[in-house]
Amino acid sequence: MRAAPHARGRRLTMAARLLAIVGLLMVWTAAPAAAQLHGDHVIDVPFDIGPLALKIAVLLALPAVAGFAMLRGFIGAPEKGTAAFVAVCAAVAVSMELLLASGFTLPPIVVPLALAAVGGPLYLAFADREAPALVRGAAPAVLLAAAVVAGAVFARAWLATPPGADRGPILHTGMIVAYAGLAWLTLGLPRNRALRGAVLTVAAVLGVALVGAGTQVAALG
């Protein structure tokens, strides 16, 4: 049964507003992130919303994205609203992390790639039609690639960083990649049972690592 035209219009209006807000956040954070990558650790933005507000936004998004990753194997395919909520939380978290990070430990190209990666699931979550089969099929590969990169970054922060050294930029980098990858968990899983189990396991482990990194970043202030 098709939705009534007025109900569909309300959903599209709400989706457009959410997309506009997150899109502005992404565009707004792209310039400061690029400046950081060139050695300037001072964030220059038109107005100051305060680091505490940014941290609160990240802490609110963290349990939604990480919890979804850890529970995805038990809750089945997410409904449209759930997928949209997780996608919005991941996009907001990536944007806020770019503002909070005092540096970035991966090549500069990773920043626009992360923004594009988190924007894809966000757009598809509010689309009128289901995500194309090609995109759903590629979602596990995107998630696994992000998990490998984020895992390597987290390992560097926790295992290869000398005691007393600043782990903040490394952890922020890993969290940005992890959020971008986990957003794709809302789009689809492999049909093969073994591959499906492997992807769900990787997602759950990445969710746990994301919580650990977020906790440590919060403790570091």
Protein backbone atom coordinates (compact mmCIF):
# COMPACT_ATOMS: atom_id res chain seq x y z
CA MET A 1 0.00 0.00 0.00
CA ARG A 2 1.37 3.38 -0.98
CA ALA A 3 1.65 6.15 1.57
CA ALA A 4 -0.73 9.07 1.26
CA PRO A 5 0.73 12.02 -0.70
CA HIS A 6 0.66 14.37 2.28
CA ALA A 7 2.36 11.82 4.55
CA ARG A 8 5.02 11.20 1.92
CA GLY A 9 5.50 14.92 1.57
CA ARG A 10 6.05 15.34 5.31
CA ARG A 11 8.66 12.57 5.30
CA LEU A 12 10.47 14.14 2.37
CA THR A 13 10.41 17.54 4.04
CA MET A 14 11.86 16.14 7.26
CA ALA A 15 14.48 14.17 5.34
CA ALA A 16 15.44 17.26 3.35
CA ARG A 17 15.87 19.28 6.52
CA LEU A 18 18.02 16.62 8.17
CA LEU A 19 20.12 16.22 5.05
CA ALA A 20 20.56 19.98 4.81
CA ILE A 21 21.69 20.26 8.43
CA VAL A 22 24.17 17.39 8.20
CA GLY A 23 25.35 18.56 4.80
CA LEU A 24 26.09 22.01 6.17
CA LEU A 25 27.99 20.43 9.05
CA MET A 26 30.06 18.40 6.61
CA VAL A 27 30.86 21.37 4.39
CA TRP A 28 31.57 23.53 7.41
CA THR A 29 34.00 21.00 8.89
CA ALA A 30 35.82 20.27 5.64
CA ALA A 31 37.79 23.53 5.68
CA PRO A 32 39.00 23.26 9.29
CA ALA A 33 39.97 19.64 8.71
CA ALA A 34 41.98 20.56 5.64
CA ALA A 35 43.72 23.32 7.59
CA GLN A 36 44.65 20.85 10.31
CA LEU A 37 46.18 18.53 7.75
CA HIS A 38 48.55 21.30 6.72
CA GLY A 39 49.88 21.77 10.23
CA ASP A 40 47.50 24.44 11.47
CA HIS A 41 45.87 23.08 14.61
CA VAL A 42 43.70 26.15 15.19
CA ILE A 43 40.11 25.70 14.04
CA ASP A 44 38.86 28.84 12.32
CA VAL A 45 35.08 28.78 11.92
CA PRO A 46 32.49 31.56 11.61
CA PHE A 47 31.17 31.05 15.13
CA ASP A 48 32.13 29.19 18.28
CA ILE A 49 29.76 26.47 19.46
CA GLY A 50 32.24 25.40 22.10
CA PRO A 51 34.23 22.17 22.45
CA LEU A 52 31.89 20.91 25.16
CA ALA A 53 28.94 20.95 22.75
CA LEU A 54 30.98 19.04 20.19
CA LYS A 55 31.98 16.42 22.75
CA ILE A 56 28.39 16.02 23.92
CA ALA A 57 27.26 15.51 20.32
CA VAL A 58 29.90 12.81 19.81
CA LEU A 59 29.07 11.11 23.10
CA LEU A 60 25.39 11.02 22.14
CA ALA A 61 26.14 9.55 18.71
CA LEU A 62 28.70 7.03 19.97
CA PRO A 63 26.34 4.57 21.73
CA ALA A 64 23.88 4.67 18.83
CA VAL A 65 26.44 3.71 16.18
CA ALA A 66 28.56 1.38 18.30
CA GLY A 67 25.52 -0.25 19.91
CA PHE A 68 23.95 -0.86 16.50
CA ALA A 69 27.20 -2.47 15.33
CA MET A 70 27.38 -4.76 18.34
CA LEU A 71 23.71 -5.76 18.21
CA ARG A 72 23.19 -5.93 14.44
CA GLY A 73 23.47 -9.71 14.42
CA PHE A 74 20.67 -10.06 16.97
CA ILE A 75 18.13 -7.49 15.79
CA GLY A 76 17.82 -8.41 12.12
CA ALA A 77 17.49 -6.00 9.24
CA PRO A 78 16.87 -2.45 10.52
CA GLU A 79 13.71 -0.57 9.70
CA LYS A 80 13.91 2.58 7.62
CA GLY A 81 13.72 4.83 10.68
CA THR A 82 16.43 2.91 12.53
CA ALA A 83 18.75 3.00 9.53
CA ALA A 84 18.17 6.73 9.13
CA PHE A 85 18.85 7.37 12.83
CA VAL A 86 22.12 5.43 12.79
CA ALA A 87 23.21 7.10 9.54
CA VAL A 88 22.49 10.57 10.94
CA CYS A 89 24.39 9.77 14.16
CA ALA A 90 27.39 8.52 12.17
CA ALA A 91 27.41 11.63 9.95
CA VAL A 92 27.14 13.98 12.92
CA ALA A 93 29.89 12.07 14.75
CA VAL A 94 32.28 12.30 11.78
CA SER A 95 31.61 16.03 11.47
CA MET A 96 32.14 16.67 15.17
CA GLU A 97 35.27 14.51 15.27
CA LEU A 98 36.79 16.59 12.47
CA LEU A 99 36.20 19.69 14.56
CA LEU A 100 37.55 18.16 17.76
CA ALA A 101 40.65 16.53 16.30
CA SER A 102 43.88 18.48 16.76
CA GLY A 103 45.43 16.60 13.86
CA PHE A 104 44.94 13.75 11.42
CA THR A 105 47.34 10.82 11.08
CA LEU A 106 46.31 9.53 7.66
CA PRO A 107 46.84 11.03 4.16
CA PRO A 108 44.68 14.11 3.46
CA ILE A 109 42.60 12.26 0.85
CA VAL A 110 41.05 10.20 3.65
CA VAL A 111 39.05 13.20 4.92
CA PRO A 112 36.89 13.72 1.81
CA LEU A 113 36.64 9.95 1.40
CA ALA A 114 35.32 9.62 4.95
CA LEU A 115 32.81 12.42 4.37
CA ALA A 116 31.66 10.81 1.12
CA ALA A 117 31.50 7.38 2.75
CA VAL A 118 29.30 8.54 5.61
CA GLY A 119 27.18 10.65 3.27
CA GLY A 120 26.23 7.70 1.07
CA PRO A 121 24.28 5.71 3.68
CA LEU A 122 22.77 8.97 4.95
CA TYR A 123 21.36 9.82 1.53
CA LEU A 124 20.11 6.28 0.90
CA ALA A 125 18.46 6.10 4.33
CA PHE A 126 16.08 8.90 3.30
CA ALA A 127 15.66 7.89 -0.34
CA ASP A 128 12.20 6.96 -1.58
CA ARG A 129 13.38 3.66 -3.00
CA GLU A 130 15.56 0.87 -1.69
CA ALA A 131 19.29 1.13 -2.15
CA PRO A 132 20.47 -0.38 -5.45
CA ALA A 133 21.56 -4.01 -5.32
CA LEU A 134 25.09 -3.04 -6.35
CA VAL A 135 25.37 -0.65 -3.40
CA ARG A 136 23.96 -3.20 -0.96
CA GLY A 137 26.42 -5.76 -2.26
CA ALA A 138 29.35 -3.38 -1.86
CA ALA A 139 28.37 -2.30 1.68
CA PRO A 140 30.16 -5.19 3.47
CA ALA A 141 33.35 -4.52 1.49
CA VAL A 142 33.29 -0.83 2.46
CA LEU A 143 32.74 -1.78 6.09
CA LEU A 144 35.57 -4.32 6.07
CA ALA A 145 37.97 -1.87 4.40
CA ALA A 146 37.17 0.79 6.98
CA ALA A 147 37.56 -1.78 9.78
CA VAL A 148 41.05 -2.69 8.55
CA VAL A 149 42.14 0.95 8.39
CA ALA A 150 40.53 1.89 11.72
CA GLY A 151 41.95 -1.24 13.37
CA ALA A 152 45.45 -0.37 12.21
CA VAL A 153 45.06 3.18 13.53
CA PHE A 154 43.73 2.00 16.90
CA ALA A 155 46.55 -0.56 17.16
CA ARG A 156 49.04 2.22 16.54
CA ALA A 157 47.45 4.33 19.26
CA TRP A 158 47.29 1.58 21.87
CA LEU A 159 50.30 -0.59 21.04
CA ALA A 160 52.86 1.55 19.21
CA THR A 161 52.51 4.93 20.94
CA PRO A 162 55.05 5.52 23.72
CA PRO A 163 53.67 6.09 27.23
CA GLY A 164 52.92 9.74 27.86
CA ALA A 165 52.65 10.59 24.16
CA ASP A 166 49.54 12.28 22.84
CA ARG A 167 47.19 9.61 21.48
CA GLY A 168 44.37 12.06 20.84
CA PRO A 169 44.93 12.75 17.11
CA ILE A 170 45.45 9.05 16.40
CA LEU A 171 42.28 8.02 18.24
CA HIS A 172 40.22 10.74 16.57
CA THR A 173 41.48 9.54 13.19
CA GLY A 174 40.50 5.96 13.93
CA MET A 175 37.09 7.01 15.17
CA ILE A 176 36.36 9.02 12.00
CA VAL A 177 37.15 6.01 9.82
CA ALA A 178 35.20 3.66 12.09
CA TYR A 179 32.07 5.85 12.05
CA ALA A 180 32.21 6.14 8.27
CA GLY A 181 32.55 2.38 7.87
CA LEU A 182 29.86 1.40 10.37
CA ALA A 183 27.34 3.65 8.62
CA TRP A 184 27.37 1.10 5.77
CA LEU A 185 26.16 -1.60 8.13
CA THR A 186 22.67 -0.13 7.66
CA LEU A 187 22.63 -1.00 3.94
CA GLY A 188 23.12 -4.72 3.72
CA LEU A 189 24.93 -7.94 4.62
CA PRO A 190 26.20 -10.88 2.56
CA ARG A 191 23.70 -13.65 1.88
CA ASN A 192 26.30 -16.32 2.52
CA ARG A 193 26.01 -17.37 6.16
CA ALA A 194 29.76 -17.62 6.77
CA LEU A 195 30.50 -14.25 5.19
CA ARG A 196 27.57 -12.73 7.01
CA GLY A 197 28.87 -13.99 10.34
CA ALA A 198 32.35 -12.67 9.57
CA VAL A 199 31.06 -9.20 8.69
CA LEU A 200 28.89 -9.07 11.81
CA THR A 201 31.83 -10.16 13.97
CA VAL A 202 34.09 -7.49 12.46
CA ALA A 203 31.38 -4.87 12.96
CA ALA A 204 30.90 -5.86 16.60
CA VAL A 205 34.64 -5.76 17.29
CA LEU A 206 34.90 -2.38 15.59
CA GLY A 207 31.99 -1.15 17.71
CA VAL A 208 33.79 -2.24 20.88
CA ALA A 209 36.99 -0.55 19.70
CA LEU A 210 35.01 2.61 18.94
CA VAL A 211 33.62 2.66 22.47
CA GLY A 212 37.11 2.13 23.90
CA ALA A 213 38.56 4.92 21.79
CA GLY A 214 35.69 7.27 22.63
CA THR A 215 36.08 6.56 26.34
CA GLN A 216 39.80 7.24 26.23
CA VAL A 217 39.36 10.43 24.21
CA ALA A 218 36.77 11.65 26.74
CA ALA A 219 39.18 10.85 29.58
CA LEU A 220 41.99 12.74 27.87
CA GLY A 221 39.73 15.78 27.67
